[in-house]
N, C-alpha and C. Protein backbone atom coordinates (compact mmCIF):
# COMPACT_ATOMS: atom_id res chain seq x y z
N MET A 1 15.45 -25.96 -48.36
CA MET A 1 15.66 -24.86 -48.58
C MET A 1 14.43 -24.08 -48.90
N ARG A 2 13.68 -24.38 -49.67
CA ARG A 2 12.41 -23.71 -49.88
C ARG A 2 11.51 -23.33 -49.19
N ARG A 3 11.51 -24.13 -48.01
CA ARG A 3 10.13 -24.12 -47.37
C ARG A 3 11.08 -23.21 -45.86
N LEU A 4 12.35 -22.89 -45.69
CA LEU A 4 12.73 -22.01 -45.20
C LEU A 4 12.58 -20.52 -46.02
N PHE A 5 12.93 -20.44 -47.14
CA PHE A 5 12.62 -19.39 -47.67
C PHE A 5 11.11 -18.74 -47.11
N LEU A 6 10.49 -20.22 -47.59
CA LEU A 6 8.69 -19.65 -47.19
C LEU A 6 8.31 -18.92 -45.87
N VAL A 7 8.78 -19.68 -44.89
CA VAL A 7 8.66 -19.35 -43.28
C VAL A 7 9.44 -17.59 -43.44
N ALA A 8 10.62 -17.00 -44.20
CA ALA A 8 10.88 -15.81 -43.78
C ALA A 8 10.21 -15.12 -44.52
N ALA A 9 9.25 -15.54 -45.61
CA ALA A 9 9.00 -14.38 -46.56
C ALA A 9 7.48 -14.48 -45.33
N GLY A 10 7.24 -15.68 -44.93
CA GLY A 10 5.82 -15.11 -44.12
C GLY A 10 6.09 -14.29 -43.38
N LEU A 11 7.51 -14.70 -42.38
CA LEU A 11 7.69 -13.69 -41.24
C LEU A 11 7.55 -12.26 -41.80
N ALA A 12 8.19 -11.80 -42.88
CA ALA A 12 8.92 -10.47 -43.33
C ALA A 12 7.36 -9.55 -43.46
N LEU A 13 6.55 -11.08 -44.34
CA LEU A 13 5.15 -9.98 -45.07
C LEU A 13 4.21 -9.91 -43.65
N CYS A 14 3.90 -10.74 -42.84
CA CYS A 14 2.67 -10.61 -41.41
C CYS A 14 3.41 -10.08 -40.25
N GLY A 15 4.99 -10.71 -40.14
CA GLY A 15 5.35 -9.71 -39.08
C GLY A 15 5.49 -10.54 -37.34
N CYS A 16 5.57 -10.28 -36.66
CA CYS A 16 5.57 -11.10 -35.57
C CYS A 16 4.34 -11.18 -34.54
N ARG A 17 3.56 -11.55 -34.22
CA ARG A 17 2.44 -11.34 -33.43
C ARG A 17 2.75 -10.94 -32.08
N THR A 18 2.35 -9.70 -31.58
CA THR A 18 2.83 -9.03 -30.75
C THR A 18 1.26 -9.15 -29.78
N ASP A 19 1.61 -8.99 -28.23
CA ASP A 19 0.80 -9.18 -27.48
C ASP A 19 -0.16 -7.83 -27.38
N PRO A 20 -1.11 -7.00 -27.69
CA PRO A 20 -1.43 -5.94 -27.56
C PRO A 20 -1.91 -5.41 -26.38
N GLY A 21 -2.06 -6.75 -25.34
CA GLY A 21 -2.63 -5.93 -24.71
C GLY A 21 -1.70 -6.28 -23.15
N ARG A 22 -0.43 -6.44 -23.25
CA ARG A 22 0.68 -6.21 -23.28
C ARG A 22 0.96 -4.75 -22.79
N ALA A 23 1.04 -3.84 -23.64
CA ALA A 23 1.09 -2.17 -23.20
C ALA A 23 0.42 -2.01 -22.26
N ASP A 24 -0.99 -2.58 -22.66
CA ASP A 24 -2.50 -2.02 -21.50
C ASP A 24 -2.13 -2.50 -20.13
N ARG A 25 -1.17 -3.35 -20.22
CA ARG A 25 -1.20 -4.05 -18.79
C ARG A 25 0.08 -3.19 -17.78
N ARG A 26 0.73 -2.86 -18.45
CA ARG A 26 1.95 -1.78 -18.08
C ARG A 26 1.80 -0.67 -17.95
N GLY A 27 0.53 -0.29 -17.90
CA GLY A 27 -0.23 1.10 -18.10
C GLY A 27 -0.51 1.02 -17.03
N VAL A 28 -1.80 0.09 -16.91
CA VAL A 28 -1.89 -0.09 -15.69
C VAL A 28 -1.08 -0.37 -14.19
N ASP A 29 -0.03 -1.48 -14.50
CA ASP A 29 0.65 -1.48 -13.31
C ASP A 29 1.48 -0.35 -13.09
N GLU A 30 1.57 0.83 -13.79
CA GLU A 30 2.75 1.73 -13.38
C GLU A 30 1.45 2.66 -12.53
N GLY A 31 0.16 2.77 -13.06
CA GLY A 31 -1.01 3.97 -12.46
C GLY A 31 -0.65 3.42 -11.05
N TYR A 32 -1.19 1.56 -10.70
CA TYR A 32 -0.98 1.12 -9.47
C TYR A 32 0.01 1.73 -8.91
N LEU A 33 0.64 1.90 -9.26
CA LEU A 33 2.53 2.02 -8.36
C LEU A 33 2.08 3.64 -8.10
N LEU A 34 1.83 4.27 -9.16
CA LEU A 34 1.51 5.61 -8.92
C LEU A 34 0.68 6.07 -7.70
N GLY A 35 -0.55 5.17 -7.81
CA GLY A 35 -1.56 5.39 -6.45
C GLY A 35 -1.59 5.09 -5.53
N SER A 36 -0.45 3.86 -5.51
CA SER A 36 0.00 3.25 -4.10
C SER A 36 0.90 4.27 -3.22
N ALA A 37 1.43 4.91 -4.24
CA ALA A 37 2.99 5.98 -3.57
C ALA A 37 2.38 7.26 -3.49
N ASP A 38 1.03 7.36 -3.68
CA ASP A 38 0.62 8.79 -3.60
C ASP A 38 -0.47 8.57 -2.14
N ALA A 39 -0.97 7.77 -2.22
CA ALA A 39 -1.46 6.94 -1.07
C ALA A 39 -0.39 7.08 0.21
N VAL A 40 0.63 6.48 0.27
CA VAL A 40 1.42 7.06 0.84
C VAL A 40 2.18 8.14 1.59
N LYS A 41 1.96 9.31 0.41
CA LYS A 41 2.55 10.11 0.77
C LYS A 41 1.30 10.79 1.64
N GLN A 42 0.11 10.44 0.86
CA GLN A 42 -0.77 11.27 1.52
C GLN A 42 -0.79 10.46 3.39
N LEU A 43 -1.01 9.59 3.38
CA LEU A 43 -0.78 8.87 4.95
C LEU A 43 0.34 9.37 5.81
N TYR A 44 1.37 9.71 5.23
CA TYR A 44 2.78 10.62 5.89
C TYR A 44 2.15 11.48 6.35
N TRP A 45 1.76 12.54 5.23
CA TRP A 45 1.57 14.28 5.43
C TRP A 45 0.04 14.06 6.65
N ALA A 46 -0.89 13.33 6.71
CA ALA A 46 -1.70 13.34 8.10
C ALA A 46 -1.44 13.01 8.87
N LYS A 47 -0.24 12.20 8.82
CA LYS A 47 0.46 11.57 10.50
C LYS A 47 1.24 12.44 11.10
N GLN A 48 1.92 13.60 10.31
CA GLN A 48 2.47 14.61 10.21
C GLN A 48 1.77 15.57 10.99
N ALA A 49 0.53 16.01 10.30
CA ALA A 49 -0.63 17.00 11.22
C ALA A 49 -1.00 16.44 12.50
N LEU A 50 -0.81 15.19 12.12
CA LEU A 50 -1.45 14.47 13.52
C LEU A 50 -0.65 14.93 15.12
N GLU A 51 1.15 14.33 14.75
CA GLU A 51 2.00 14.58 15.62
C GLU A 51 2.37 15.87 15.91
N ALA A 52 2.03 16.74 15.02
CA ALA A 52 2.61 18.44 15.01
C ALA A 52 2.77 19.07 16.26
N PRO A 53 3.94 19.59 16.53
CA PRO A 53 3.45 19.92 18.09
C PRO A 53 3.10 21.57 18.05
N GLY A 54 1.69 21.45 18.82
CA GLY A 54 1.35 22.95 18.92
C GLY A 54 0.18 22.98 17.72
N GLY A 55 -0.39 22.23 17.11
CA GLY A 55 -0.98 22.05 15.75
C GLY A 55 -2.60 21.89 16.50
N SER A 56 -3.33 22.36 15.30
CA SER A 56 -4.70 22.33 15.89
C SER A 56 -5.50 20.97 15.78
N GLY A 57 -4.76 19.66 16.22
CA GLY A 57 -5.14 18.77 15.70
C GLY A 57 -6.56 18.18 16.68
N PRO A 58 -7.11 17.18 16.69
CA PRO A 58 -8.51 17.04 17.30
C PRO A 58 -7.84 16.56 18.61
N GLU A 59 -8.65 17.27 19.60
CA GLU A 59 -8.64 17.01 21.03
C GLU A 59 -8.58 15.24 21.15
N GLY A 60 -7.28 14.67 22.39
CA GLY A 60 -7.57 13.39 22.48
C GLY A 60 -6.44 12.86 22.99
N ARG A 61 -6.14 12.13 23.05
CA ARG A 61 -4.81 11.48 23.57
C ARG A 61 -3.92 10.19 23.08
N ILE A 62 -3.28 10.06 22.99
CA ILE A 62 -2.46 8.72 22.33
C ILE A 62 -2.18 7.55 23.26
N GLU A 63 -2.69 6.59 23.61
CA GLU A 63 -2.22 5.33 24.22
C GLU A 63 -1.75 4.06 22.91
N TYR A 64 -1.09 3.60 23.86
CA TYR A 64 -0.17 2.61 23.08
C TYR A 64 -0.81 1.21 23.91
N TYR A 65 -1.25 0.07 22.79
CA TYR A 65 -1.60 -0.93 23.35
C TYR A 65 -0.63 -1.88 23.16
N THR A 66 0.07 -2.65 23.99
CA THR A 66 1.07 -3.39 23.91
C THR A 66 0.66 -4.95 24.27
N TRP A 67 1.22 -5.68 23.56
CA TRP A 67 1.23 -7.07 24.19
C TRP A 67 2.88 -7.63 23.54
N GLU A 68 3.04 -8.96 24.42
CA GLU A 68 4.33 -9.63 24.11
C GLU A 68 3.58 -11.10 23.22
N ASP A 69 4.46 -10.95 21.75
CA ASP A 69 4.52 -11.62 20.56
C ASP A 69 5.35 -12.85 21.27
N SER A 70 4.98 -14.22 21.07
CA SER A 70 5.69 -15.21 21.64
C SER A 70 6.47 -15.89 20.73
N GLY A 71 6.44 -15.06 19.12
CA GLY A 71 7.69 -15.86 18.63
C GLY A 71 7.28 -17.21 17.71
N THR A 72 5.98 -17.85 17.74
CA THR A 72 6.05 -18.64 17.31
C THR A 72 4.59 -18.34 16.31
N THR A 73 5.26 -19.26 14.29
CA THR A 73 4.15 -18.74 14.22
C THR A 73 2.94 -19.70 14.08
N ARG A 74 2.33 -19.33 12.68
CA ARG A 74 0.99 -20.61 12.64
C ARG A 74 1.62 -21.88 12.28
N ASP A 75 2.61 -21.73 11.30
CA ASP A 75 2.73 -23.18 11.01
C ASP A 75 3.89 -23.53 11.70
N GLY A 76 4.04 -22.87 12.62
CA GLY A 76 4.98 -23.86 13.85
C GLY A 76 6.53 -23.26 13.95
N ARG A 77 6.88 -22.56 13.18
CA ARG A 77 8.22 -21.91 13.34
C ARG A 77 8.45 -21.21 14.53
N ARG A 78 9.81 -21.19 14.76
CA ARG A 78 9.91 -20.46 16.12
C ARG A 78 10.61 -19.65 15.73
N LEU A 79 10.27 -18.21 16.28
CA LEU A 79 11.28 -16.87 15.59
C LEU A 79 11.31 -16.11 17.13
N ALA A 80 11.89 -15.13 17.17
CA ALA A 80 12.35 -14.57 18.51
C ALA A 80 10.99 -13.66 19.05
N PRO A 81 11.24 -14.03 20.43
CA PRO A 81 9.91 -13.02 20.73
C PRO A 81 10.28 -11.56 20.82
N GLU A 82 8.56 -11.06 20.71
CA GLU A 82 9.00 -9.45 20.67
C GLU A 82 7.73 -8.62 21.23
N THR A 83 8.20 -7.64 21.71
CA THR A 83 7.13 -6.66 22.24
C THR A 83 6.53 -5.90 20.80
N VAL A 84 5.16 -5.86 20.46
CA VAL A 84 4.57 -5.31 19.89
C VAL A 84 3.58 -3.73 20.56
N ALA A 85 3.99 -2.84 20.13
CA ALA A 85 3.03 -1.90 20.37
C ALA A 85 2.25 -0.89 19.32
N VAL A 86 0.75 -0.75 19.67
CA VAL A 86 0.07 -0.15 18.69
C VAL A 86 -0.43 1.24 19.10
N PRO A 87 0.18 2.35 18.69
CA PRO A 87 -0.72 3.52 18.83
C PRO A 87 -2.20 3.67 18.75
N ILE A 88 -3.20 3.94 19.85
CA ILE A 88 -4.46 4.09 19.61
C ILE A 88 -4.68 5.60 20.04
N PHE A 89 -5.33 6.27 18.90
CA PHE A 89 -6.00 7.56 19.40
C PHE A 89 -7.24 7.14 19.90
N ILE A 90 -7.40 7.97 21.38
CA ILE A 90 -8.50 7.82 22.03
C ILE A 90 -9.26 9.59 22.16
N PRO A 91 -10.20 9.68 21.42
CA PRO A 91 -10.41 11.60 21.47
C PRO A 91 -11.38 11.63 22.49
N ALA A 92 -11.13 13.37 22.96
CA ALA A 92 -12.23 13.71 24.07
C ALA A 92 -12.76 13.43 24.31
N PRO A 93 -13.90 13.48 24.92
CA PRO A 93 -15.30 13.63 24.99
C PRO A 93 -15.89 15.25 24.56
N ALA A 94 -17.02 15.01 24.00
CA ALA A 94 -17.64 16.06 23.12
C ALA A 94 -17.92 16.70 24.47
N PRO A 95 -18.19 17.80 24.66
CA PRO A 95 -18.61 19.27 25.63
C PRO A 95 -20.06 18.76 26.11
N SER A 96 -20.79 18.68 27.04
CA SER A 96 -22.08 18.23 27.21
C SER A 96 -23.46 19.24 26.50
N GLY A 97 -22.69 20.35 25.79
CA GLY A 97 -23.95 20.96 24.97
C GLY A 97 -23.42 21.10 23.90
N ALA A 98 -22.59 20.33 23.39
CA ALA A 98 -22.22 20.45 21.67
C ALA A 98 -23.58 20.09 20.98
N LYS A 99 -23.40 19.95 20.04
CA LYS A 99 -24.67 19.41 18.92
C LYS A 99 -24.35 17.88 18.34
N SER A 100 -25.06 16.95 18.12
CA SER A 100 -24.31 15.92 17.50
C SER A 100 -24.91 16.46 16.01
N PRO A 101 -23.99 15.80 14.77
CA PRO A 101 -24.26 16.27 13.62
C PRO A 101 -25.11 15.42 13.17
């Protein structure tokens, strides 16, 4: 009984040990999530600006690089084959009289 009393008194006087780095880590994690969300928003609006009709975007055209994916992964699993298309922006050539930066 005396031992239980000593343990309870020790906890009452000293308290439980908490990890002070845990709060810092939570703040870092929240900052990372906010930063990645901001990067996604910036990418979204940049893409919207490039694809806006009649916008003053850069001169050029978009071509699609396509290929047929076999559906076999590196570890040998078989998946359904699919066609993959990647949009590639090809800028228009600069006029011959333009100066390079």
